[in-house]
Protein backbone atom coordinates (compact mmCIF):
# COMPACT_ATOMS: atom_id res chain seq x y z
CA MET A 1 57.63 57.58 -31.91
CA ALA A 2 59.56 55.36 -32.92
CA GLU A 3 61.95 52.91 -30.32
CA LYS A 4 64.80 50.73 -30.62
CA GLU A 5 66.65 48.46 -28.19
CA ILE A 6 70.28 49.54 -27.24
CA GLY A 7 70.52 47.36 -24.26
CA LYS A 8 69.23 45.49 -21.42
CA VAL A 9 69.46 45.99 -17.08
CA SER A 10 72.20 43.53 -15.66
CA SER A 11 71.92 45.18 -12.44
CA TYR A 12 69.97 47.71 -9.93
CA PHE A 13 71.85 49.49 -7.44
CA SER A 14 68.86 50.50 -5.37
CA HIS A 15 71.09 52.76 -2.47
CA VAL A 16 72.20 55.25 -5.17
CA GLY A 17 69.23 54.43 -8.13
CA VAL A 18 71.81 53.27 -10.52
CA ALA A 19 71.24 50.90 -13.43
CA ALA A 20 73.81 49.09 -14.90
CA VAL A 21 73.06 48.69 -18.56
CA LYS A 22 75.26 46.16 -21.08
CA LEU A 23 74.73 48.31 -24.74
CA SER A 24 74.17 46.86 -27.64
CA ASP A 25 73.94 50.10 -29.75
CA THR A 26 75.35 54.15 -29.04
CA LEU A 27 73.54 55.85 -26.24
CA LYS A 28 74.12 59.66 -25.03
CA VAL A 29 73.49 62.28 -22.15
CA GLY A 30 70.49 64.18 -23.09
CA ASP A 31 68.61 60.64 -25.02
CA ARG A 32 65.50 59.42 -24.03
CA ILE A 33 65.33 56.14 -22.83
CA HIS A 34 62.22 53.73 -22.15
CA ILE A 35 63.03 51.04 -19.36
CA LYS A 36 60.48 47.80 -19.91
CA GLY A 37 60.68 44.79 -18.03
CA HIS A 38 57.91 42.47 -15.99
CA THR A 39 57.18 44.86 -13.65
CA THR A 40 58.96 48.00 -14.70
CA ASP A 41 57.77 50.56 -17.89
CA PHE A 42 58.81 54.07 -17.75
CA GLU A 43 60.66 56.45 -19.96
CA THR A 44 63.16 59.13 -18.08
CA GLU A 45 66.13 61.47 -19.86
CA VAL A 46 69.62 60.41 -19.57
CA THR A 47 71.26 62.90 -17.38
CA SER A 48 73.97 61.39 -16.48
CA MET A 49 76.59 58.40 -17.27
CA GLN A 50 79.25 56.20 -15.87
CA ILE A 51 81.74 53.60 -17.39
CA ASP A 52 84.08 52.35 -14.28
CA LYS A 53 82.79 55.46 -12.31
CA GLN A 54 84.63 57.39 -14.46
CA ASP A 55 81.54 60.27 -16.06
CA VAL A 56 80.78 60.20 -20.06
CA GLN A 57 78.70 61.79 -22.11
CA GLU A 58 78.46 58.56 -25.08
CA ALA A 59 78.97 54.95 -24.79
CA LYS A 60 79.07 52.27 -27.56
CA ALA A 61 77.99 48.97 -28.39
CA GLY A 62 79.64 46.73 -25.86
CA ASP A 63 79.93 49.34 -23.27
CA HIS A 64 78.83 48.76 -19.77
CA VAL A 65 77.32 51.85 -18.32
CA GLY A 66 75.65 52.81 -15.17
CA ILE A 67 72.88 55.34 -15.85
CA LYS A 68 70.54 57.54 -12.77
CA VAL A 69 66.90 55.91 -12.81
CA PRO A 70 64.02 57.20 -10.99
CA GLU A 71 62.57 54.10 -10.64
CA LYS A 72 63.86 50.38 -9.86
CA VAL A 73 64.43 48.30 -12.51
CA ARG A 74 65.06 44.67 -12.50
CA PRO A 75 68.06 42.74 -14.55
CA ASN A 76 67.02 40.97 -17.68
CA ASP A 77 64.65 44.61 -18.14
CA LYS A 78 65.14 45.77 -22.04
CA VAL A 79 66.19 49.75 -22.86
CA PHE A 80 64.98 51.49 -25.36
CA LEU A 81 66.43 54.69 -27.33
CA VAL A 82 63.26 56.82 -28.19
CA GLU A 83 63.53 58.43 -31.13
CA GLU A 84 61.27 61.53 -31.49
């Protein structure tokens, strides 16, 4: 499976389990992502995404999105799109 970097984590909100990600490429709900950093390494499906507290189905390069994640992430963790 190929992966391409599509963004970086800028912050993590532990009380809601949401990663704020600055995108460098397009991301859609339903896409599979891999988040990797010094102590972070997991894959998850994007089940919901928000921009400024509004649900969106798709986001593009330059957007700052909130993504629900199953584990803690850290600033500067890299976000990769998993391509089947």
